[in-house]
Amino acid sequence: MTETLSAAPPHGAPPQAPESTAPALATRPGRWIDNWNPEDTAQWPSQGRAIARRNLNWSIFAEFLGFVVWQLWSIVAVTLPAAGFDLGTGEVFWLISIPSLVGATLRIPYSFLVPKFGGRNWTIISAGLLLLPTVALAVCVSNPETPFGVLLAAAALAGFGGGNFASSMSNITYFYPQKEKGWALGLNAAGGNLGASVAQFVVPIVITIGAGATLNLPVAGWIWIPFILVAMFGAFRFMDNLSNAKADLAGSAAALKEPHLWLLSLLYIGTFGSFIGFASVFPKLIADQFPDFSTIAVGGASVSLAFLGALVGSLARPYGGRLSDRFGGARITMLAFAAMGTVTVGVLLTLPLGNFWLFLGCFLLLFAAAGIGNGSTYRMVPVVFAVRGGGTGDVSTQRKAAAALGLISAIGAYGGFLIPQALNLSFQATGGYAGAFLGFVVGYAVLLVLTYVVYVRSGRMGAHKI
């Protein structure tokens, strides 16, 4: 019998990479990649990591612009009365919340389009669709006589930006190995979430700088068009399509029948729904409760401090994923709900005091907790589905998890509509927002208990650290 031995590398030479047993990567026209397997310990460090990072970078930029467009009306709607538009409080709340309603709904079909068109191809298309709401906004806000129905339709088009998240996250989950998904998905989501903050920071500046007694509201739409064109070119030139990124309808139907999809969706409404809902309504809350602080004059422009909320929440999100990789997503999610409930009680107590800085500090803590919860809850999804699939990590399990990620992101995004509307109902009924905040506290307590009972308590999901 002949025995084959591997020769030891010379002294001081770098260790040899492990041999791959998988087929080598192959490329086809249209930037299609075959035989992609990030779990292959030879393919990933030699080729896979660089390819995945390049796709992640452009995915972040395109998704960032999606969030910018999605949140444009959160700040524009608050400024419309000052620009001569005759709108009531309820109508302003509808302009703020309708993009979230449409965006959440679009996330359902968007989650299936990466496997159909390819991640690169769909990024080009979805970025191009952002031109519609930006142009519509610029045209509609140029005339104070624009009917409310037309304004509402233009705001609804901004939902295209919200749909991008589902396809982007579904795409990136195929590029990274299981052990690095939490951080990669966290970066992708955080980069996108930052768009909400940037929109709320930039728009007040560009519509007031050099405007004199009027507001340059159309600039809030026109300014983003060059960046959208750059995103389309970048996706065309540098991103890739993966041939193994497939999610059939049977797998999606199976995910819908999985009880944990619905449980995780509830958790995501509490975390991401809170983030996007409060981000949307934060400029309105500040304008109503502290009108002297709604904007701060800096030179010839105005700055809204509302952008700080979305900024803090976005920066916190990847750490939710990283902490989940180490300690388990369920435990971090439970702690996030505990913090969110506690801080919301603090918001309730500070409202009667009329202290803006205390109010702002409490809200920034709330955004930080929601951001961490976003990352931890989203990280739970592929882990839970892997456990439910026997921990095999096979292709069918990965496809079901990818479908679940898109569906859960869609359902969770409805929180962006529910939170502004809850605040609107509270204001219409009582003239204040305390009733809505009290309801949020109760909701966070219920979700905390649910997380503990199903995912944290010993024995509920086996020996796995969810």
Protein backbone atom coordinates (compact mmCIF):
# COMPACT_ATOMS: atom_id res chain seq x y z
CA MET A 1 0.00 0.00 0.00
CA THR A 2 1.34 3.41 -0.98
CA GLU A 3 0.98 6.23 1.51
CA THR A 4 0.94 9.82 0.29
CA LEU A 5 2.36 12.45 2.60
CA SER A 6 2.31 16.20 2.28
CA ALA A 7 5.72 17.74 2.41
CA ALA A 8 6.19 20.28 5.17
CA PRO A 9 6.64 23.84 3.95
CA PRO A 10 10.18 25.24 4.19
CA HIS A 11 11.12 26.95 7.43
CA GLY A 12 9.72 30.49 7.47
CA ALA A 13 7.40 29.92 4.51
CA PRO A 14 3.73 30.87 4.96
CA PRO A 15 1.39 27.94 5.62
CA GLN A 16 -0.30 26.54 2.54
CA ALA A 17 -3.99 27.21 2.05
CA PRO A 18 -6.20 24.16 2.48
CA GLU A 19 -7.11 22.40 -0.73
CA SER A 20 -10.64 22.96 -1.96
CA THR A 21 -12.87 20.01 -2.74
CA ALA A 22 -15.46 22.27 -4.41
CA PRO A 23 -15.49 23.19 -8.11
CA ALA A 24 -13.44 26.27 -8.96
CA LEU A 25 -15.16 29.61 -9.39
CA ALA A 26 -16.23 30.31 -12.94
CA THR A 27 -17.49 33.52 -14.51
CA ARG A 28 -19.92 34.05 -17.36
CA PRO A 29 -20.91 37.13 -19.39
CA GLY A 30 -23.09 39.54 -17.47
CA ARG A 31 -20.82 39.16 -14.42
CA TRP A 32 -22.38 35.85 -13.36
CA ILE A 33 -20.34 33.70 -10.97
CA ASP A 34 -20.80 29.92 -10.82
CA ASN A 35 -19.76 27.52 -8.02
CA TRP A 36 -19.85 30.16 -5.30
CA ASN A 37 -19.36 28.60 -1.84
CA PRO A 38 -18.26 30.96 0.98
CA GLU A 39 -18.12 28.02 3.42
CA ASP A 40 -15.25 26.50 1.41
CA THR A 41 -12.16 27.16 3.52
CA ALA A 42 -9.94 27.46 0.43
CA GLN A 43 -12.21 29.46 -1.85
CA TRP A 44 -13.21 32.06 0.75
CA PRO A 45 -9.76 33.46 1.72
CA SER A 46 -8.24 33.15 -1.75
CA GLN A 47 -11.03 34.69 -3.86
CA GLY A 48 -14.34 34.84 -2.07
CA ARG A 49 -13.65 37.46 0.59
CA ALA A 50 -12.49 40.13 -1.88
CA ILE A 51 -15.46 39.53 -4.18
CA ALA A 52 -17.92 39.61 -1.28
CA ARG A 53 -16.42 42.82 0.10
CA ARG A 54 -16.64 44.58 -3.27
CA ASN A 55 -20.30 43.62 -3.64
CA LEU A 56 -21.02 44.62 -0.05
CA ASN A 57 -19.51 48.09 -0.56
CA TRP A 58 -21.70 48.91 -3.57
CA SER A 59 -24.73 47.29 -1.97
CA ILE A 60 -24.30 49.59 1.02
CA PHE A 61 -24.13 52.67 -1.20
CA ALA A 62 -27.22 51.74 -3.21
CA GLU A 63 -29.17 50.86 -0.07
CA PHE A 64 -28.00 54.08 1.57
CA LEU A 65 -29.63 56.05 -1.24
CA GLY A 66 -32.74 53.93 -0.87
CA PHE A 67 -33.08 55.01 2.74
CA VAL A 68 -32.37 58.63 1.79
CA VAL A 69 -35.27 58.61 -0.64
CA TRP A 70 -37.48 56.63 1.75
CA GLN A 71 -37.06 59.26 4.46
CA LEU A 72 -37.14 62.46 2.39
CA TRP A 73 -40.75 63.14 3.26
CA SER A 74 -40.09 62.77 7.00
CA ILE A 75 -38.37 66.16 6.90
CA VAL A 76 -40.00 67.73 3.82
CA ALA A 77 -43.54 67.18 5.15
CA VAL A 78 -42.74 69.09 8.34
CA THR A 79 -41.58 72.11 6.31
CA LEU A 80 -44.55 72.25 3.93
CA PRO A 81 -46.79 74.50 6.10
CA ALA A 82 -43.97 77.05 6.33
CA ALA A 83 -43.73 76.97 2.53
CA GLY A 84 -47.37 77.93 2.09
CA PHE A 85 -49.03 74.50 1.90
CA ASP A 86 -52.37 74.33 3.72
CA LEU A 87 -52.04 71.03 5.60
CA GLY A 88 -53.40 69.82 8.91
CA THR A 89 -51.51 67.72 11.48
CA GLY A 90 -53.19 64.52 10.33
CA GLU A 91 -52.25 65.16 6.70
CA VAL A 92 -48.61 65.78 7.64
CA PHE A 93 -48.56 62.48 9.55
CA TRP A 94 -49.91 60.69 6.47
CA LEU A 95 -47.19 62.18 4.26
CA ILE A 96 -44.63 60.99 6.80
CA SER A 97 -46.00 57.47 7.16
CA ILE A 98 -47.20 56.52 3.64
CA PRO A 99 -43.63 55.87 2.34
CA SER A 100 -43.18 53.29 5.11
CA LEU A 101 -46.46 51.59 4.27
CA VAL A 102 -45.57 51.32 0.57
CA GLY A 103 -41.94 50.43 1.26
CA ALA A 104 -42.89 47.63 3.65
CA THR A 105 -45.29 46.21 1.08
CA LEU A 106 -42.72 46.39 -1.73
CA ARG A 107 -40.24 44.46 0.38
CA ILE A 108 -42.31 41.32 -0.13
CA PRO A 109 -41.82 41.09 -3.92
CA TYR A 110 -38.35 42.64 -3.68
CA SER A 111 -37.16 39.72 -1.53
CA PHE A 112 -37.80 37.35 -4.46
CA LEU A 113 -36.22 39.42 -7.23
CA VAL A 114 -32.52 38.81 -6.51
CA PRO A 115 -32.79 35.11 -7.40
CA LYS A 116 -34.81 35.98 -10.52
CA PHE A 117 -32.66 38.79 -11.94
CA GLY A 118 -29.34 38.45 -10.09
CA GLY A 119 -28.04 40.67 -7.29
CA ARG A 120 -26.07 42.98 -9.58
CA ASN A 121 -28.84 43.32 -12.14
CA TRP A 122 -31.54 44.02 -9.59
CA THR A 123 -29.36 46.60 -7.81
CA ILE A 124 -29.11 48.52 -11.09
CA ILE A 125 -32.88 48.38 -11.59
CA SER A 126 -33.85 49.18 -8.01
CA ALA A 127 -31.44 52.12 -7.88
CA GLY A 128 -32.88 53.44 -11.14
CA LEU A 129 -36.39 53.32 -9.71
CA LEU A 130 -35.30 55.88 -7.11
CA LEU A 131 -35.32 58.51 -9.86
CA LEU A 132 -39.14 58.42 -9.88
CA PRO A 133 -39.77 59.60 -6.29
CA THR A 134 -36.98 62.19 -6.35
CA VAL A 135 -38.32 63.83 -9.51
CA ALA A 136 -41.92 63.57 -8.27
CA LEU A 137 -41.01 65.26 -4.98
CA ALA A 138 -39.14 68.07 -6.74
CA VAL A 139 -42.07 68.79 -9.07
CA CYS A 140 -44.88 68.51 -6.50
CA VAL A 141 -43.38 70.69 -3.76
CA SER A 142 -42.61 73.52 -6.20
CA ASN A 143 -46.23 74.67 -6.08
CA PRO A 144 -48.13 75.29 -2.78
CA GLU A 145 -51.39 74.73 -4.70
CA THR A 146 -50.54 71.07 -5.31
CA PRO A 147 -53.52 69.01 -4.04
CA PHE A 148 -52.97 66.82 -1.00
CA GLY A 149 -53.82 63.69 -3.01
CA VAL A 150 -51.01 64.43 -5.45
CA LEU A 151 -48.58 65.06 -2.58
CA LEU A 152 -49.64 61.75 -1.03
CA ALA A 153 -49.05 59.90 -4.31
CA ALA A 154 -45.58 61.45 -4.63
CA ALA A 155 -44.78 60.47 -1.05
CA ALA A 156 -45.98 56.93 -1.78
CA LEU A 157 -43.42 56.65 -4.60
CA ALA A 158 -40.70 57.11 -1.97
CA GLY A 159 -41.62 53.59 -0.88
CA PHE A 160 -39.35 52.35 -3.69
CA GLY A 161 -36.47 53.30 -1.40
CA GLY A 162 -37.82 51.16 1.41
CA GLY A 163 -38.17 48.10 -0.80
CA ASN A 164 -34.43 48.08 -1.58
CA PHE A 165 -33.54 46.79 1.87
CA ALA A 166 -35.13 43.37 1.37
CA SER A 167 -33.38 42.61 -1.92
CA SER A 168 -30.06 44.01 -0.72
CA MET A 169 -29.99 41.96 2.47
CA SER A 170 -31.17 38.84 0.68
CA ASN A 171 -28.37 39.29 -1.86
CA ILE A 172 -25.59 39.84 0.68
CA THR A 173 -26.56 36.82 2.77
CA TYR A 174 -25.47 34.59 -0.16
CA PHE A 175 -22.02 36.16 -0.32
CA TYR A 176 -20.82 35.54 3.25
CA PRO A 177 -20.12 32.40 5.33
CA GLN A 178 -22.33 31.69 8.31
CA LYS A 179 -19.74 32.84 10.86
CA GLU A 180 -19.46 36.31 9.26
CA LYS A 181 -23.07 36.95 8.25
CA GLY A 182 -23.90 38.90 11.40
CA TRP A 183 -21.24 41.53 10.85
CA ALA A 184 -21.74 41.71 7.07
CA LEU A 185 -25.52 42.04 7.30
CA GLY A 186 -25.09 44.54 10.12
CA LEU A 187 -22.79 46.72 8.00
CA ASN A 188 -25.09 46.49 5.01
CA ALA A 189 -28.11 47.45 7.08
CA ALA A 190 -26.30 50.17 9.03
CA GLY A 191 -24.95 51.73 5.85
CA GLY A 192 -28.47 51.83 4.52
CA ASN A 193 -29.98 53.10 7.76
CA LEU A 194 -27.52 56.00 7.70
CA GLY A 195 -29.40 57.30 4.70
CA ALA A 196 -32.27 58.31 6.99
CA SER A 197 -29.92 60.40 9.08
CA VAL A 198 -28.18 61.97 6.09
CA ALA A 199 -31.51 62.92 4.50
CA GLN A 200 -32.66 64.61 7.70
CA PHE A 201 -29.34 66.44 8.02
CA VAL A 202 -28.86 67.53 4.40
CA VAL A 203 -32.41 68.50 3.39
CA PRO A 204 -32.89 71.37 5.91
CA ILE A 205 -29.56 72.79 4.79
CA VAL A 206 -30.09 72.63 1.03
CA ILE A 207 -33.64 74.00 1.12
CA THR A 208 -32.67 77.02 3.24
CA ILE A 209 -29.17 77.95 2.13
CA GLY A 210 -29.40 81.16 0.14
CA ALA A 211 -33.20 80.88 0.06
CA GLY A 212 -34.00 84.13 1.85
CA ALA A 213 -37.65 84.32 2.90
CA THR A 214 -38.66 81.26 0.84
CA LEU A 215 -37.64 77.60 0.88
CA ASN A 216 -35.95 75.84 -2.02
CA LEU A 217 -38.04 72.68 -1.49
CA PRO A 218 -37.51 71.18 -4.99
CA VAL A 219 -33.77 70.91 -4.27
CA ALA A 220 -34.63 68.23 -1.69
CA GLY A 221 -35.36 65.95 -4.65
CA TRP A 222 -32.98 67.15 -7.36
CA ILE A 223 -29.85 66.91 -5.21
CA TRP A 224 -29.90 63.08 -5.05
CA ILE A 225 -30.16 62.34 -8.77
CA PRO A 226 -26.37 62.42 -9.52
CA PHE A 227 -25.72 60.02 -6.62
CA ILE A 228 -28.39 57.63 -7.88
CA LEU A 229 -26.72 57.59 -11.30
CA VAL A 230 -23.36 56.81 -9.64
CA ALA A 231 -24.94 53.90 -7.76
CA MET A 232 -26.37 52.50 -10.99
CA PHE A 233 -22.98 52.73 -12.71
CA GLY A 234 -21.15 51.23 -9.72
CA ALA A 235 -23.51 48.26 -9.59
CA PHE A 236 -23.15 47.75 -13.35
CA ARG A 237 -19.36 47.93 -13.28
CA PHE A 238 -18.38 46.27 -10.00
CA MET A 239 -21.11 44.00 -8.63
CA ASP A 240 -21.76 40.33 -9.46
CA ASN A 241 -24.64 37.90 -9.90
CA LEU A 242 -24.46 34.53 -8.14
CA SER A 243 -25.96 31.60 -10.02
CA ASN A 244 -26.59 29.68 -6.77
CA ALA A 245 -28.73 32.51 -5.33
CA LYS A 246 -32.04 30.79 -5.87
CA ALA A 247 -35.20 30.96 -3.79
CA ASP A 248 -38.09 29.01 -5.29
CA LEU A 249 -41.74 29.57 -4.42
CA ALA A 250 -41.93 26.22 -2.68
CA GLY A 251 -39.16 27.26 -0.30
CA SER A 252 -40.85 30.59 0.35
CA ALA A 253 -44.17 28.87 0.98
CA ALA A 254 -42.42 26.58 3.45
CA ALA A 255 -40.95 29.62 5.21
CA LEU A 256 -44.42 31.16 5.50
CA LYS A 257 -45.66 27.99 7.20
CA GLU A 258 -42.85 28.18 9.76
CA PRO A 259 -44.21 29.62 13.05
CA HIS A 260 -40.83 31.17 13.84
CA LEU A 261 -41.08 33.41 10.77
CA TRP A 262 -44.09 35.11 12.34
CA LEU A 263 -42.54 35.25 15.79
CA LEU A 264 -39.35 36.80 14.44
CA SER A 265 -41.45 39.24 12.41
CA LEU A 266 -43.09 40.48 15.60
CA LEU A 267 -39.67 40.99 17.15
CA TYR A 268 -38.51 42.87 14.07
CA ILE A 269 -41.54 45.15 14.19
CA GLY A 270 -40.45 46.01 17.73
CA THR A 271 -36.83 46.70 16.79
CA PHE A 272 -36.55 47.87 13.18
CA GLY A 273 -40.15 49.11 13.16
CA SER A 274 -39.33 51.29 16.15
CA PHE A 275 -36.15 52.58 14.51
CA ILE A 276 -37.72 53.55 11.19
CA GLY A 277 -40.97 54.73 12.77
CA PHE A 278 -39.29 57.02 15.28
CA ALA A 279 -36.77 58.16 12.65
CA SER A 280 -39.64 59.20 10.39
CA VAL A 281 -41.58 61.02 13.06
CA PHE A 282 -38.73 62.51 15.10
CA PRO A 283 -38.64 65.82 13.15
CA LYS A 284 -42.39 66.17 13.66
CA LEU A 285 -42.18 65.40 17.39
CA ILE A 286 -39.46 68.00 17.89
CA ALA A 287 -41.38 70.60 15.86
CA ASP A 288 -44.54 70.00 17.92
CA GLN A 289 -43.03 69.73 21.39
CA PHE A 290 -40.05 72.08 21.06
CA PRO A 291 -40.64 74.43 18.10
CA ASP A 292 -37.72 76.66 19.10
CA PHE A 293 -35.37 73.68 18.56
CA SER A 294 -36.91 72.25 15.37
CA THR A 295 -34.07 73.84 13.40
CA ILE A 296 -30.92 75.68 14.43
CA ALA A 297 -29.56 78.48 12.25
CA VAL A 298 -25.98 77.94 11.12
CA GLY A 299 -24.78 80.72 8.86
CA GLY A 300 -27.30 81.09 6.07
CA ALA A 301 -28.77 77.59 6.50
CA SER A 302 -30.82 75.61 9.00
CA VAL A 303 -29.87 72.32 10.66
CA SER A 304 -32.35 69.92 12.25
CA LEU A 305 -31.06 67.92 15.22
CA ALA A 306 -33.56 65.18 14.33
CA PHE A 307 -30.86 63.55 12.20
CA LEU A 308 -29.02 62.48 15.37
CA GLY A 309 -31.64 59.84 16.16
CA ALA A 310 -31.30 57.92 12.90
CA LEU A 311 -27.51 58.40 13.05
CA VAL A 312 -27.19 56.81 16.49
CA GLY A 313 -29.52 53.95 15.61
CA SER A 314 -27.67 53.23 12.37
CA LEU A 315 -24.23 53.20 14.00
CA ALA A 316 -25.50 50.90 16.75
CA ARG A 317 -26.95 48.30 14.38
CA PRO A 318 -23.76 46.43 13.34
CA TYR A 319 -22.81 46.03 17.00
CA GLY A 320 -26.11 44.25 17.53
CA GLY A 321 -24.96 41.75 14.91
CA ARG A 322 -21.46 41.45 16.38
CA LEU A 323 -22.71 40.99 19.94
CA SER A 324 -25.13 38.36 18.63
CA ASP A 325 -22.29 36.47 16.95
CA ARG A 326 -20.64 36.24 20.36
CA PHE A 327 -23.47 35.96 22.88
CA GLY A 328 -26.48 34.91 20.84
CA GLY A 329 -29.04 37.10 19.10
CA ALA A 330 -31.94 36.22 21.40
CA ARG A 331 -30.16 37.41 24.54
CA ILE A 332 -29.12 40.68 22.92
CA THR A 333 -32.63 41.21 21.54
CA MET A 334 -34.13 40.65 24.98
CA LEU A 335 -31.76 43.20 26.50
CA ALA A 336 -32.60 45.64 23.69
CA PHE A 337 -36.33 45.41 24.46
CA ALA A 338 -35.61 45.91 28.16
CA ALA A 339 -33.63 49.06 27.37
CA MET A 340 -36.24 50.35 24.91
CA GLY A 341 -39.05 49.92 27.43
CA THR A 342 -37.07 51.61 30.19
CA VAL A 343 -36.03 54.55 28.02
CA THR A 344 -39.58 55.02 26.70
CA VAL A 345 -40.74 55.37 30.31
CA GLY A 346 -38.06 58.05 30.59
CA VAL A 347 -39.50 59.83 27.52
CA LEU A 348 -42.94 59.75 29.14
CA LEU A 349 -41.58 61.31 32.32
CA THR A 350 -39.61 64.03 30.52
CA LEU A 351 -42.41 65.23 28.22
CA PRO A 352 -44.14 67.31 30.95
CA LEU A 353 -40.80 68.88 31.97
CA GLY A 354 -40.39 70.76 28.69
CA ASN A 355 -36.62 70.17 28.70
CA PHE A 356 -35.48 69.66 25.12
CA TRP A 357 -32.00 68.35 25.91
CA LEU A 358 -33.33 65.76 28.33
CA PHE A 359 -35.92 64.74 25.74
CA LEU A 360 -33.22 64.48 23.05
CA GLY A 361 -30.93 62.43 25.31
CA CYS A 362 -33.68 59.93 26.12
CA PHE A 363 -34.57 59.56 22.47
CA LEU A 364 -30.97 58.99 21.44
CA LEU A 365 -30.76 56.15 23.97
CA LEU A 366 -33.98 54.75 22.53
CA PHE A 367 -32.52 54.88 19.02
CA ALA A 368 -29.32 53.16 20.20
CA ALA A 369 -31.26 50.32 21.83
CA ALA A 370 -33.47 49.94 18.75
CA GLY A 371 -30.40 49.87 16.50
CA ILE A 372 -28.75 47.11 18.52
CA GLY A 373 -32.04 45.22 18.51
CA ASN A 374 -32.23 45.58 14.71
CA GLY A 375 -28.90 43.82 14.28
CA SER A 376 -29.52 41.12 16.87
CA THR A 377 -33.02 40.22 15.65
CA TYR A 378 -31.93 40.06 12.02
CA ARG A 379 -28.98 37.87 13.02
CA MET A 380 -31.37 35.44 14.70
CA VAL A 381 -33.17 34.63 11.44
CA PRO A 382 -30.58 32.45 9.60
CA VAL A 383 -29.58 30.80 12.89
CA VAL A 384 -33.14 29.87 13.81
CA PHE A 385 -33.81 28.46 10.35
CA ALA A 386 -30.54 26.52 10.42
CA VAL A 387 -31.55 24.97 13.76
CA ARG A 388 -35.02 24.18 12.45
CA GLY A 389 -33.39 22.55 9.42
CA GLY A 390 -31.26 20.31 11.62
CA GLY A 391 -28.21 22.57 11.62
CA THR A 392 -27.05 21.18 8.28
CA GLY A 393 -26.56 24.55 6.57
CA ASP A 394 -27.44 22.95 3.21
CA VAL A 395 -28.53 24.93 0.18
CA SER A 396 -32.25 24.41 0.74
CA THR A 397 -31.98 25.69 4.30
CA GLN A 398 -30.02 28.72 3.12
CA ARG A 399 -32.65 29.46 0.49
CA LYS A 400 -35.45 29.24 3.02
CA ALA A 401 -33.51 31.53 5.37
CA ALA A 402 -32.92 34.05 2.55
CA ALA A 403 -36.64 34.11 1.79
CA ALA A 404 -37.40 34.53 5.49
CA LEU A 405 -34.99 37.46 5.74
CA GLY A 406 -36.87 39.31 3.02
CA LEU A 407 -40.31 38.50 4.42
CA ILE A 408 -39.37 39.43 7.98
CA SER A 409 -37.81 42.69 6.85
CA ALA A 410 -41.06 43.48 5.03
CA ILE A 411 -43.32 42.74 7.98
CA GLY A 412 -41.04 44.58 10.40
CA ALA A 413 -41.02 47.68 8.21
CA TYR A 414 -44.75 48.13 8.79
CA GLY A 415 -43.69 49.52 12.16
CA GLY A 416 -42.59 52.59 10.21
CA PHE A 417 -46.25 53.17 9.39
CA LEU A 418 -47.77 52.01 12.69
CA ILE A 419 -45.68 54.20 15.01
CA PRO A 420 -46.43 57.55 13.28
CA GLN A 421 -50.10 56.62 13.00
CA ALA A 422 -50.26 55.62 16.67
CA LEU A 423 -48.79 59.00 17.59
CA ASN A 424 -51.25 60.67 15.22
CA LEU A 425 -54.22 58.91 16.82
CA SER A 426 -52.96 59.83 20.29
CA PHE A 427 -52.62 63.47 19.26
CA GLN A 428 -56.04 63.59 17.62
CA ALA A 429 -57.70 61.99 20.68
CA THR A 430 -55.87 63.75 23.52
CA GLY A 431 -53.84 66.58 22.02
CA GLY A 432 -50.62 64.88 23.15
CA TYR A 433 -48.44 61.82 22.61
CA ALA A 434 -48.32 60.25 26.09
CA GLY A 435 -50.96 57.62 25.28
CA ALA A 436 -48.98 56.30 22.33
CA PHE A 437 -45.73 56.12 24.31
CA LEU A 438 -47.47 54.19 27.08
CA GLY A 439 -48.67 51.70 24.47
CA PHE A 440 -45.11 51.33 23.19
CA VAL A 441 -43.88 50.48 26.69
CA VAL A 442 -46.47 47.71 26.98
CA GLY A 443 -45.53 46.40 23.54
CA TYR A 444 -41.82 46.22 24.39
CA ALA A 445 -42.59 44.35 27.61
CA VAL A 446 -44.65 41.77 25.71
CA LEU A 447 -41.91 41.28 23.10
CA LEU A 448 -39.27 40.91 25.82
CA VAL A 449 -41.26 38.10 27.46
CA LEU A 450 -41.85 36.45 24.09
CA THR A 451 -38.13 36.48 23.29
CA TYR A 452 -37.26 34.97 26.65
CA VAL A 453 -39.88 32.22 26.58
CA VAL A 454 -39.25 31.06 23.01
CA TYR A 455 -35.55 31.66 22.40
CA VAL A 456 -33.68 32.24 25.67
CA ARG A 457 -35.21 29.90 28.22
CA SER A 458 -33.20 26.69 28.46
CA GLY A 459 -34.38 23.85 26.28
CA ARG A 460 -36.78 25.75 24.04
CA MET A 461 -34.54 25.53 20.95
CA GLY A 462 -32.21 22.73 21.97
CA ALA A 463 -28.57 23.29 22.87
CA HIS A 464 -28.03 25.92 20.18
CA LYS A 465 -27.17 29.52 21.00
CA ILE A 466 -29.77 31.40 18.97
